[in-house]
Protein backbone atom coordinates (compact mmCIF):
# COMPACT_ATOMS: atom_id res chain seq x y z
CA MET A 1 172.49 233.28 252.95
CA THR A 2 174.22 235.06 250.04
CA GLN A 3 172.63 235.51 246.66
CA THR A 4 175.22 233.24 245.03
CA ALA A 5 174.29 230.32 247.32
CA THR A 6 170.67 230.39 246.11
CA LEU A 7 171.40 230.60 242.40
CA THR A 8 170.53 227.85 239.98
CA THR A 9 173.50 226.02 238.49
CA ILE A 10 173.25 225.23 234.77
CA LYS A 11 174.94 221.95 233.97
CA HIS A 12 176.24 220.15 230.90
CA PHE A 13 174.26 217.36 229.27
CA ILE A 14 176.65 214.46 228.65
CA ASN A 15 175.77 210.95 227.51
CA GLY A 16 172.08 211.20 228.34
CA ALA A 17 172.18 213.05 231.68
CA GLU A 18 172.92 216.40 233.25
CA SER A 19 176.45 216.65 234.58
CA ALA A 20 178.28 219.22 236.67
CA GLY A 21 181.51 218.12 235.03
CA THR A 22 184.89 217.65 236.60
CA GLY A 23 186.46 221.09 236.27
CA GLY A 24 184.65 222.94 239.04
CA ALA A 25 184.91 226.29 237.23
CA THR A 26 181.77 228.41 236.84
CA GLN A 27 180.78 231.79 235.49
CA PRO A 28 177.69 233.93 236.05
CA VAL A 29 174.70 234.20 233.73
CA TYR A 30 172.95 237.58 233.76
CA ASN A 31 169.45 238.86 233.18
CA PRO A 32 170.17 241.73 230.75
CA ALA A 33 166.95 243.56 231.70
CA THR A 34 168.10 243.98 235.31
CA GLY A 35 171.85 243.43 235.19
CA ALA A 36 171.49 240.89 238.01
CA VAL A 37 173.14 237.47 238.11
CA SER A 38 170.45 234.85 237.47
CA ALA A 39 172.45 231.60 237.50
CA GLN A 40 175.87 230.03 237.60
CA LEU A 41 177.13 228.05 234.60
CA ASN A 42 179.39 225.02 234.86
CA LEU A 43 182.36 225.25 232.51
CA ALA A 44 183.78 222.14 230.87
CA SER A 45 187.21 220.76 231.61
CA ARG A 46 189.29 218.90 229.06
CA GLN A 47 188.20 215.68 230.73
CA ASP A 48 184.54 216.65 230.23
CA LEU A 49 185.20 217.36 226.55
CA ASP A 50 186.98 214.03 226.05
CA THR A 51 184.12 212.22 227.81
CA ALA A 52 181.52 213.88 225.59
CA VAL A 53 183.45 213.20 222.39
CA ALA A 54 184.02 209.56 223.33
CA ALA A 55 180.30 209.14 224.05
CA ALA A 56 179.44 210.83 220.75
CA LYS A 57 181.83 208.62 218.79
CA ALA A 58 180.38 205.45 220.29
CA ALA A 59 176.80 206.68 219.80
CA ALA A 60 177.43 207.72 216.19
CA GLU A 61 178.48 204.20 215.25
CA ILE A 62 175.18 202.83 216.58
CA TRP A 63 172.86 205.67 215.56
CA GLY A 64 174.30 205.86 212.05
CA ASP A 65 173.27 202.24 211.52
CA TYR A 66 169.67 202.84 212.66
CA SER A 67 167.11 202.53 209.90
CA LEU A 68 165.80 205.75 208.41
CA ALA A 69 162.34 204.79 209.67
CA LYS A 70 163.58 204.58 213.28
CA ARG A 71 165.50 207.83 213.01
CA THR A 72 162.56 209.77 211.60
CA THR A 73 160.27 208.35 214.30
CA VAL A 74 162.50 210.10 216.85
CA LEU A 75 162.50 213.30 214.76
CA PHE A 76 158.69 213.38 214.59
CA LYS A 77 158.46 212.90 218.36
CA PHE A 78 161.07 215.61 218.97
CA ARG A 79 159.11 217.99 216.77
CA GLU A 80 155.98 217.47 218.86
CA LEU A 81 157.88 217.96 222.11
CA VAL A 82 159.47 221.20 220.96
CA ALA A 83 156.10 222.48 219.77
CA SER A 84 154.54 221.70 223.15
CA HIS A 85 157.36 223.48 225.03
CA VAL A 86 157.45 226.72 223.03
CA ASP A 87 156.33 228.85 225.98
CA GLU A 88 158.89 227.30 228.33
CA LEU A 89 161.72 227.65 225.83
CA ALA A 90 160.73 231.25 225.03
CA ALA A 91 160.70 232.17 228.73
CA LEU A 92 164.25 230.83 229.12
CA VAL A 93 165.42 232.79 226.08
CA THR A 94 163.82 236.03 227.29
CA ALA A 95 165.27 235.67 230.78
CA GLU A 96 168.84 235.27 229.55
CA HIS A 97 168.90 237.04 226.16
CA GLY A 98 166.40 239.82 226.83
CA LYS A 99 164.36 239.65 223.61
CA VAL A 100 160.60 239.95 224.03
CA LEU A 101 158.59 236.76 224.49
CA SER A 102 156.85 236.98 221.12
CA ASP A 103 160.21 237.28 219.37
CA ALA A 104 161.59 234.35 221.37
CA ALA A 105 158.60 232.24 220.37
CA GLY A 106 159.15 233.31 216.78
CA GLU A 107 162.71 232.01 216.70
CA ILE A 108 161.50 228.65 218.03
CA GLY A 109 158.93 228.57 215.25
CA ARG A 110 161.67 228.96 212.64
CA GLY A 111 163.59 226.17 214.34
CA LEU A 112 160.52 223.94 214.15
CA GLU A 113 160.49 224.42 210.39
CA VAL A 114 163.95 222.82 210.16
CA ILE A 115 162.89 219.90 212.36
CA GLU A 116 159.94 219.38 210.02
CA PHE A 117 162.30 219.45 207.04
CA ALA A 118 164.54 216.88 208.77
CA CYS A 119 161.53 214.61 209.31
CA GLY A 120 161.46 214.18 205.52
CA ILE A 121 165.19 213.61 205.10
CA ASN A 122 164.62 210.14 203.65
CA GLN A 123 163.87 211.71 200.29
CA LEU A 124 167.24 213.53 200.29
CA LEU A 125 169.29 210.54 201.40
CA LYS A 126 168.14 208.44 198.45
CA GLY A 127 171.00 207.39 196.21
CA ALA A 128 171.15 206.92 192.45
CA TYR A 129 171.40 203.68 190.47
CA SER A 130 172.68 203.07 186.96
CA GLY A 131 172.10 199.53 185.78
CA GLN A 132 174.33 198.04 183.09
CA ALA A 133 176.56 201.12 183.08
CA SER A 134 179.12 198.84 181.49
CA THR A 135 178.74 195.25 180.38
CA GLY A 136 177.65 193.32 183.46
CA ILE A 137 178.42 196.28 185.72
CA ASP A 138 176.05 198.37 187.81
CA VAL A 139 176.96 201.67 189.49
CA PHE A 140 175.10 203.12 192.44
CA SER A 141 175.64 205.82 195.05
CA PHE A 142 174.42 206.57 198.56
CA ARG A 143 175.20 208.95 201.41
CA GLN A 144 176.41 208.16 204.93
CA PRO A 145 176.85 210.33 208.05
CA VAL A 146 180.21 211.99 208.70
CA GLY A 147 180.30 210.84 212.35
CA VAL A 148 180.68 213.35 215.20
CA VAL A 149 179.56 216.93 214.53
CA ALA A 150 180.12 219.89 216.86
CA GLY A 151 177.86 222.93 216.68
CA ILE A 152 179.17 226.23 218.10
CA THR A 153 176.29 228.67 218.30
CA PRO A 154 175.80 232.38 219.16
CA PHE A 155 173.87 234.13 221.90
CA ASN A 156 171.38 235.91 219.67
CA PHE A 157 169.38 232.79 218.73
CA PRO A 158 169.96 230.21 221.46
CA VAL A 159 167.21 227.90 220.16
CA MET A 160 166.85 228.64 216.46
CA VAL A 161 170.48 228.32 215.40
CA PRO A 162 171.05 224.98 217.19
CA LEU A 163 167.83 223.80 215.51
CA TRP A 164 169.24 224.90 212.15
CA MET A 165 172.01 222.36 212.72
CA CYS A 166 171.21 219.41 214.95
CA PRO A 167 167.95 218.04 213.44
CA ILE A 168 169.53 217.57 210.02
CA ALA A 169 172.82 216.28 211.42
CA ILE A 170 171.01 213.78 213.66
CA ALA A 171 168.45 212.73 211.02
CA ALA A 172 171.40 211.99 208.72
CA GLY A 173 172.83 209.62 211.34
CA ASN A 174 175.47 211.74 213.11
CA ALA A 175 176.08 212.40 216.79
CA PHE A 176 175.98 216.10 217.70
CA ILE A 177 177.79 218.05 220.45
CA LEU A 178 176.38 221.54 221.02
CA LYS A 179 178.61 224.25 222.48
CA PRO A 180 176.12 227.11 223.01
CA SER A 181 176.86 230.66 224.07
CA GLU A 182 177.69 231.03 227.75
CA ARG A 183 175.39 234.08 227.88
CA ASP A 184 172.07 232.21 227.45
CA PRO A 185 172.69 228.49 228.04
CA SER A 186 169.45 227.27 229.64
CA ALA A 187 167.30 226.69 226.55
CA PRO A 188 169.87 224.38 224.88
CA THR A 189 169.85 222.19 227.99
CA LEU A 190 166.07 221.87 227.73
CA LEU A 191 166.48 220.87 224.07
CA ALA A 192 168.79 218.06 225.20
CA LYS A 193 166.14 216.78 227.60
CA LEU A 194 163.51 216.88 224.86
CA TRP A 195 165.75 214.87 222.54
CA THR A 196 166.12 212.22 225.24
CA GLU A 197 162.36 212.19 225.86
CA ALA A 198 161.85 211.70 222.12
CA GLY A 199 163.82 208.48 222.30
CA LEU A 200 167.22 209.60 221.01
CA PRO A 201 169.93 207.23 222.27
CA ASP A 202 172.37 208.54 224.89
CA GLY A 203 175.35 210.36 223.45
CA VAL A 204 173.73 211.33 220.15
CA PHE A 205 172.95 214.88 221.36
CA GLN A 206 175.04 216.49 224.10
CA VAL A 207 175.53 220.02 225.43
CA LEU A 208 178.93 221.18 226.59
CA HIS A 209 179.31 224.64 228.15
CA GLY A 210 182.54 226.58 228.05
CA GLY A 211 184.62 229.29 226.47
CA LYS A 212 187.57 229.43 224.09
CA ASP A 213 189.30 226.38 225.60
CA THR A 214 186.22 224.27 224.91
CA VAL A 215 185.91 225.62 221.38
CA ASP A 216 189.57 224.95 220.67
CA GLY A 217 189.22 221.44 222.08
CA LEU A 218 186.39 220.69 219.65
CA LEU A 219 188.20 222.26 216.70
CA THR A 220 191.29 220.11 217.25
CA HIS A 221 189.94 216.87 218.71
CA PRO A 222 190.81 213.96 216.40
CA ASP A 223 187.40 212.30 216.91
CA VAL A 224 185.33 215.34 215.88
CA ASP A 225 184.63 215.09 212.16
CA ALA A 226 182.77 218.31 211.30
CA ILE A 227 182.17 221.78 212.75
CA SER A 228 179.14 224.03 212.27
CA PHE A 229 179.61 227.60 213.51
CA VAL A 230 177.67 230.87 213.58
CA GLY A 231 179.26 234.02 214.99
CA SER A 232 181.44 237.00 214.14
CA THR A 233 183.71 237.09 211.10
CA PRO A 234 187.05 237.06 212.99
CA ILE A 235 185.98 233.99 214.97
CA ALA A 236 184.41 232.32 211.92
CA LYS A 237 187.70 232.72 210.07
CA TYR A 238 189.61 231.34 213.06
CA VAL A 239 187.23 228.38 213.38
CA HIS A 240 187.51 227.59 209.67
CA GLU A 241 191.30 227.84 209.55
CA THR A 242 191.87 225.88 212.77
CA ALA A 243 189.39 223.09 212.12
CA THR A 244 190.31 222.57 208.47
CA ALA A 245 193.98 222.44 209.47
CA HIS A 246 192.97 219.50 211.68
CA GLY A 247 191.21 217.70 208.82
CA LYS A 248 187.62 218.62 209.62
CA ARG A 249 184.75 219.61 207.42
CA VAL A 250 183.66 223.16 208.34
CA GLN A 251 180.78 225.54 207.70
CA ALA A 252 181.41 228.83 209.51
CA LEU A 253 178.92 231.67 209.14
CA GLY A 254 180.40 235.05 210.00
CA GLY A 255 179.46 238.67 210.47
CA VAL A 256 177.07 240.93 208.60
CA LYS A 257 176.31 244.44 207.45
CA ASN A 258 172.89 244.17 205.87
CA HIS A 259 171.72 246.97 203.58
CA ALA A 260 168.26 247.83 202.34
CA ILE A 261 167.85 250.06 199.28
CA ILE A 262 164.73 252.23 199.24
CA LEU A 263 163.70 253.68 195.89
CA PRO A 264 161.45 256.73 195.53
CA ASP A 265 158.72 254.58 193.98
CA ALA A 266 158.46 252.35 197.07
CA ASP A 267 155.44 252.37 199.36
CA MET A 268 157.10 254.52 202.01
CA ASP A 269 154.81 253.57 204.88
CA ASN A 270 155.37 249.91 204.16
CA ALA A 271 159.13 250.44 203.86
CA ALA A 272 159.29 252.43 207.12
CA ASP A 273 157.27 249.80 208.99
CA HIS A 274 159.51 246.98 207.85
CA LEU A 275 162.78 248.88 208.22
CA SER A 276 161.92 249.80 211.80
CA ALA A 277 161.05 246.23 212.67
CA ALA A 278 164.16 244.88 210.92
CA ALA A 279 166.54 247.40 212.49
CA PHE A 280 165.18 247.57 216.04
CA GLY A 281 163.54 244.18 216.61
CA SER A 282 165.50 242.05 219.09
CA ALA A 283 167.52 245.23 219.83
CA GLY A 284 169.22 244.81 216.45
CA GLU A 285 170.94 241.63 217.63
CA ARG A 286 170.08 239.56 214.57
CA CYS A 287 172.41 238.34 211.86
CA MET A 288 169.73 239.41 209.37
CA ALA A 289 168.94 242.79 210.94
CA ILE A 290 168.94 245.74 208.56
CA SER A 291 171.59 248.15 209.85
CA VAL A 292 171.99 250.36 206.77
CA ALA A 293 169.17 252.04 204.84
CA VAL A 294 170.37 253.25 201.43
CA ALA A 295 167.93 255.93 200.30
CA VAL A 296 167.91 256.64 196.58
CA GLY A 297 167.31 260.20 195.35
CA ASP A 298 164.46 262.06 197.02
CA ALA A 299 163.34 258.99 199.01
CA ALA A 300 165.59 259.97 201.92
CA ASP A 301 163.70 262.82 203.59
CA THR A 302 160.32 261.13 203.39
CA LEU A 303 161.76 257.87 204.66
CA LEU A 304 163.60 259.52 207.56
CA GLY A 305 160.48 261.22 208.82
CA LYS A 306 158.46 258.04 208.75
CA VAL A 307 161.13 255.86 210.37
CA ARG A 308 161.62 258.50 213.06
CA GLU A 309 157.89 258.38 213.92
CA ARG A 310 158.08 254.64 214.33
CA ALA A 311 161.36 254.62 216.26
CA VAL A 312 160.14 256.99 218.96
CA ALA A 313 156.91 254.98 219.32
CA ILE A 314 158.70 251.68 220.04
CA LYS A 315 158.10 250.42 223.56
CA VAL A 316 161.41 249.30 225.05
CA ALA A 317 160.86 247.22 228.16
CA GLU A 318 161.64 243.93 229.85
CA GLY A 319 160.77 241.14 227.44
CA THR A 320 158.08 239.72 229.70
CA GLU A 321 155.98 242.89 229.38
CA PRO A 322 153.02 241.92 227.15
CA ASP A 323 153.21 245.03 224.95
CA ALA A 324 157.01 245.32 224.76
CA ASP A 325 158.46 245.76 221.27
CA MET A 326 162.15 245.56 222.14
CA GLY A 327 164.27 244.53 225.09
CA PRO A 328 167.85 245.30 226.20
CA VAL A 329 171.10 244.36 224.52
CA ILE A 330 172.85 241.26 225.83
CA THR A 331 175.67 242.63 228.05
CA ALA A 332 177.07 245.80 229.58
CA ALA A 333 180.00 245.51 227.16
CA SER A 334 177.62 245.35 224.21
CA LYS A 335 175.85 248.48 225.43
CA ALA A 336 179.15 250.34 225.85
CA ARG A 337 180.23 249.36 222.35
CA VAL A 338 176.98 250.56 220.75
CA LEU A 339 177.15 253.88 222.60
CA LYS A 340 180.77 254.36 221.55
CA ILE A 341 180.04 253.78 217.85
CA VAL A 342 177.01 256.09 217.89
CA GLY A 343 179.07 258.79 219.58
CA GLU A 344 181.84 258.42 217.00
CA ALA A 345 179.32 258.81 214.18
CA ALA A 346 177.93 261.99 215.71
CA ASP A 347 181.44 263.38 216.19
CA ALA A 348 182.25 262.54 212.56
CA GLY A 349 179.29 264.56 211.27
CA ALA A 350 176.33 262.16 211.19
CA THR A 351 172.99 263.57 212.35
CA LEU A 352 171.30 261.89 215.32
CA VAL A 353 167.69 261.91 214.19
CA VAL A 354 166.76 259.67 217.14
CA ASP A 355 169.28 259.28 219.97
CA GLY A 356 168.82 256.22 222.18
CA ARG A 357 172.01 256.50 224.17
CA ASP A 358 170.48 257.83 227.38
CA PHE A 359 167.51 255.51 227.39
CA THR A 360 166.63 253.60 230.55
CA VAL A 361 163.67 251.73 232.01
CA PRO A 362 162.43 253.06 235.35
CA GLY A 363 163.09 250.58 238.12
CA LYS A 364 165.56 248.66 235.98
CA GLU A 365 168.30 251.21 235.62
CA ASP A 366 171.01 248.54 235.86
CA GLY A 367 169.74 246.76 232.73
CA TYR A 368 171.62 247.01 229.46
CA TRP A 369 169.29 249.44 227.74
CA VAL A 370 169.85 251.23 224.45
CA GLY A 371 166.92 252.96 222.79
CA PRO A 372 166.22 252.89 219.03
CA THR A 373 168.77 255.11 217.31
CA LEU A 374 168.49 256.64 213.83
CA LEU A 375 171.53 258.18 212.14
CA ASP A 376 171.44 260.25 208.94
CA GLY A 377 174.35 261.29 206.77
CA VAL A 378 176.49 258.25 207.55
CA SER A 379 179.49 257.83 205.27
CA ALA A 380 181.43 254.71 204.36
CA ASP A 381 184.44 255.66 206.50
CA MET A 382 182.50 255.95 209.79
CA THR A 383 182.67 253.11 212.31
CA ALA A 384 178.85 253.14 212.26
CA TYR A 385 179.26 251.72 208.74
CA THR A 386 182.50 249.74 208.90
CA GLU A 387 181.73 247.96 212.19
CA GLU A 388 179.08 245.32 212.84
CA ILE A 389 177.20 247.23 215.56
CA PHE A 390 174.77 244.48 216.63
CA GLY A 391 172.53 246.97 218.38
CA PRO A 392 169.34 248.99 217.70
CA VAL A 393 170.97 251.44 215.30
CA LEU A 394 169.85 252.22 211.75
CA ALA A 395 172.31 254.20 209.63
CA VAL A 396 170.92 256.08 206.63
CA MET A 397 173.12 256.67 203.59
CA ARG A 398 172.12 258.65 200.50
CA VAL A 399 172.82 257.77 196.87
CA GLU A 400 171.45 259.09 193.58
CA THR A 401 170.78 255.87 191.66
CA VAL A 402 170.04 252.20 192.25
CA GLU A 403 173.30 251.38 190.46
CA GLU A 404 175.20 253.49 193.00
CA GLY A 405 173.44 251.64 195.81
CA ILE A 406 174.35 248.25 194.34
CA ALA A 407 177.98 249.35 194.03
CA LEU A 408 177.98 250.45 197.68
CA ILE A 409 176.70 247.04 198.80
CA ASN A 410 179.19 245.18 196.62
CA ALA A 411 182.10 247.19 198.01
CA ASN A 412 181.21 246.09 201.54
CA PRO A 413 183.22 243.09 202.80
CA TYR A 414 180.09 241.34 204.10
CA GLY A 415 177.49 239.63 201.96
CA ASN A 416 174.91 238.00 204.21
CA GLY A 417 171.51 239.59 203.53
CA THR A 418 170.10 242.58 201.71
CA ALA A 419 166.76 243.97 200.56
CA ILE A 420 165.20 246.41 198.12
CA PHE A 421 161.95 248.34 198.52
CA THR A 422 160.46 249.32 195.17
CA SER A 423 157.42 248.98 192.94
CA SER A 424 159.62 248.49 189.88
CA GLY A 425 160.10 244.91 188.72
CA ALA A 426 162.94 246.03 186.45
CA ASN A 427 164.88 247.60 189.32
CA ALA A 428 164.17 244.62 191.58
CA ARG A 429 165.53 242.24 188.95
CA LYS A 430 168.59 244.45 188.37
CA PHE A 431 169.18 244.41 192.11
CA GLN A 432 168.79 240.67 192.65
CA ARG A 433 171.09 239.91 189.73
CA GLY A 434 173.68 242.55 190.58
CA VAL A 435 174.30 242.38 194.33
CA HIS A 436 177.04 240.09 195.68
CA VAL A 437 174.98 238.86 198.61
CA GLY A 438 173.71 235.40 199.52
CA MET A 439 170.14 236.21 200.65
CA ILE A 440 167.99 238.88 199.03
CA GLY A 441 164.60 240.31 199.91
CA ILE A 442 162.31 242.17 197.52
CA ASN A 443 160.02 244.25 199.69
CA VAL A 444 161.01 241.75 202.41
CA PRO A 445 163.55 243.19 204.87
CA VAL A 446 164.65 239.99 206.66
CA PRO A 447 164.87 237.37 203.89
CA VAL A 448 165.61 234.28 206.00
CA PRO A 449 164.94 231.37 203.61
CA VAL A 450 162.41 228.69 204.43
CA ALA A 451 163.83 225.40 205.71
CA TYR A 452 163.86 223.63 202.35
CA HIS A 453 166.19 226.27 200.92
CA SER A 454 169.52 227.06 202.59
CA PHE A 455 170.76 229.94 204.75
CA GLY A 456 174.14 231.49 204.05
CA GLY A 457 176.00 234.53 202.80
CA TRP A 458 178.88 235.46 200.53
CA LYS A 459 182.27 237.09 201.08
CA ASN A 460 183.24 237.54 204.76
CA SER A 461 179.86 236.25 205.90
CA LEU A 462 180.69 232.60 205.12
CA PHE A 463 183.81 230.47 205.42
CA GLY A 464 183.41 227.07 203.80
CA ASP A 465 181.41 226.07 200.76
CA LYS A 466 178.13 224.87 202.27
CA HIS A 467 175.25 226.93 203.62
CA ILE A 468 173.28 225.85 206.67
CA TYR A 469 170.12 223.68 206.67
CA GLY A 470 168.17 222.71 203.54
CA GLU A 471 169.73 220.47 200.91
CA GLU A 472 173.16 222.03 201.45
CA GLY A 473 172.90 221.13 205.13
CA VAL A 474 172.16 217.52 204.21
CA ALA A 475 175.18 217.50 201.89
CA PHE A 476 177.38 218.96 204.64
CA TYR A 477 176.40 216.36 207.25
CA THR A 478 176.82 213.38 204.91
CA ARG A 479 179.46 211.90 202.63
CA ALA A 480 178.85 210.19 199.32
CA LYS A 481 179.88 206.70 198.32
CA VAL A 482 179.79 205.31 194.80
CA VAL A 483 179.84 201.53 194.27
CA THR A 484 180.79 199.88 190.99
CA SER A 485 179.53 196.30 191.13
CA ARG A 486 179.95 193.19 188.98
CA TRP A 487 178.72 189.64 189.73
CA PRO A 488 180.41 187.27 187.25
CA GLU A 489 178.62 184.15 186.15
CA PRO A 490 180.17 180.82 187.28
CA GLN A 491 182.94 179.62 184.98
CA HIS A 492 183.13 183.15 183.56
CA VAL A 493 186.27 183.86 181.55
CA SER A 494 188.05 186.77 183.19
CA ASP A 495 188.44 189.91 181.15
CA ALA A 496 190.95 191.47 183.55
CA SER A 497 193.46 193.70 181.79
CA TYR A 498 196.56 195.67 182.66
CA ASN A 499 195.16 198.50 180.56
CA PHE A 500 192.79 201.03 182.06
CA PRO A 501 189.36 199.35 181.86
CA SER A 502 186.94 200.54 179.21
CA ASN A 503 183.29 199.94 178.57
């Protein structure tokens, strides 16, 4: 029997059940630690997409009319089910993404925070009431779901990013179709089963696997009302332009180039610890990873030595190893791209303080391994700075003042996250006020906001006007209505007028 014949097939989840779909097309799913095919993935046909959207439209009409009490009962149950399946979800993520188990469990924990926030959505869906706004007239407002929402999510957080979207969308009364990355699709399917077990009606949460054709189908389908997207800037821009042209509400989070400024007065050991974790954790495949360290004045040499010590001590291994710090990158193409950019930086004059290009794990030579890499002397014209590397590479740039560092960050086209390491409150305040970036850390390298704030960047890191989760997420997944109401007394003399009404 061939290997292919024994592989698991990962199916869609349509209208309350797993489905192989009607298209018949499949593509392989790989274990990035070994390079071996681990499963086959069913790809959606246009008929599958239409079936899912029709089910979502019908379900949204029913679910949107459920009481808030009934909806939040399902959310509370879903929260408990996700919490009790953390280990199973983390194992699926590690097997297909490659990140270490503790990191996979950590992303699920951040997703749980958003579910918990959604459990209290009643408070945010309350309207406002103004009695006797005019003589005999009351005015009140309330929010209603938009209808059918599609979430298009990236490979790097196959559980967390869907959980940034769907709990709030569903708690608000919408139906949600998830189109996850084809690279690590198993965990989203388990989420669908947990939603069903929690009591969510069929069709309210569905998972549709596919590539560009499936994405385009969701962006243009007349019965899809809103799109949530996380991915690269070129695709985020395409998603925003295409979906808005078809009358949809869109939030599209794009690419990143996150800087951290390190001042000479910083605690250098603390800064080096956190920079190493932020740059090399999850093999650098995080939208909030620090990829550029901006060393101010004489901080550079001390910082480089300390980060180097930590980089060479990182244990890179298969994510299931109990003491592994970092796993492989996601694909062979990703590895090739990282190696190419590092090589270009070296050729352009950057110093390879730590070179991870030839790294491998014994016995797993076919895995997509790149070791921690530390570059010094990077300039703004190198591809190591202009490109979003999405790998375990930290580029060090040198400036003389904090003002010069702020100007460097503001000149960059991305504005997702940034950080400063300092013991000076004055410089920290100057930094947080001056940088054109959406999320800022002060002695915190990965400033992902808690669930009751919102996640989102500026400039080419966000297309659309609403950030994800938090109160902005609630606003995105709902629409406001305002009612002006009058109940005339019997035999009331009409005061209708052809003039614009006044108070």
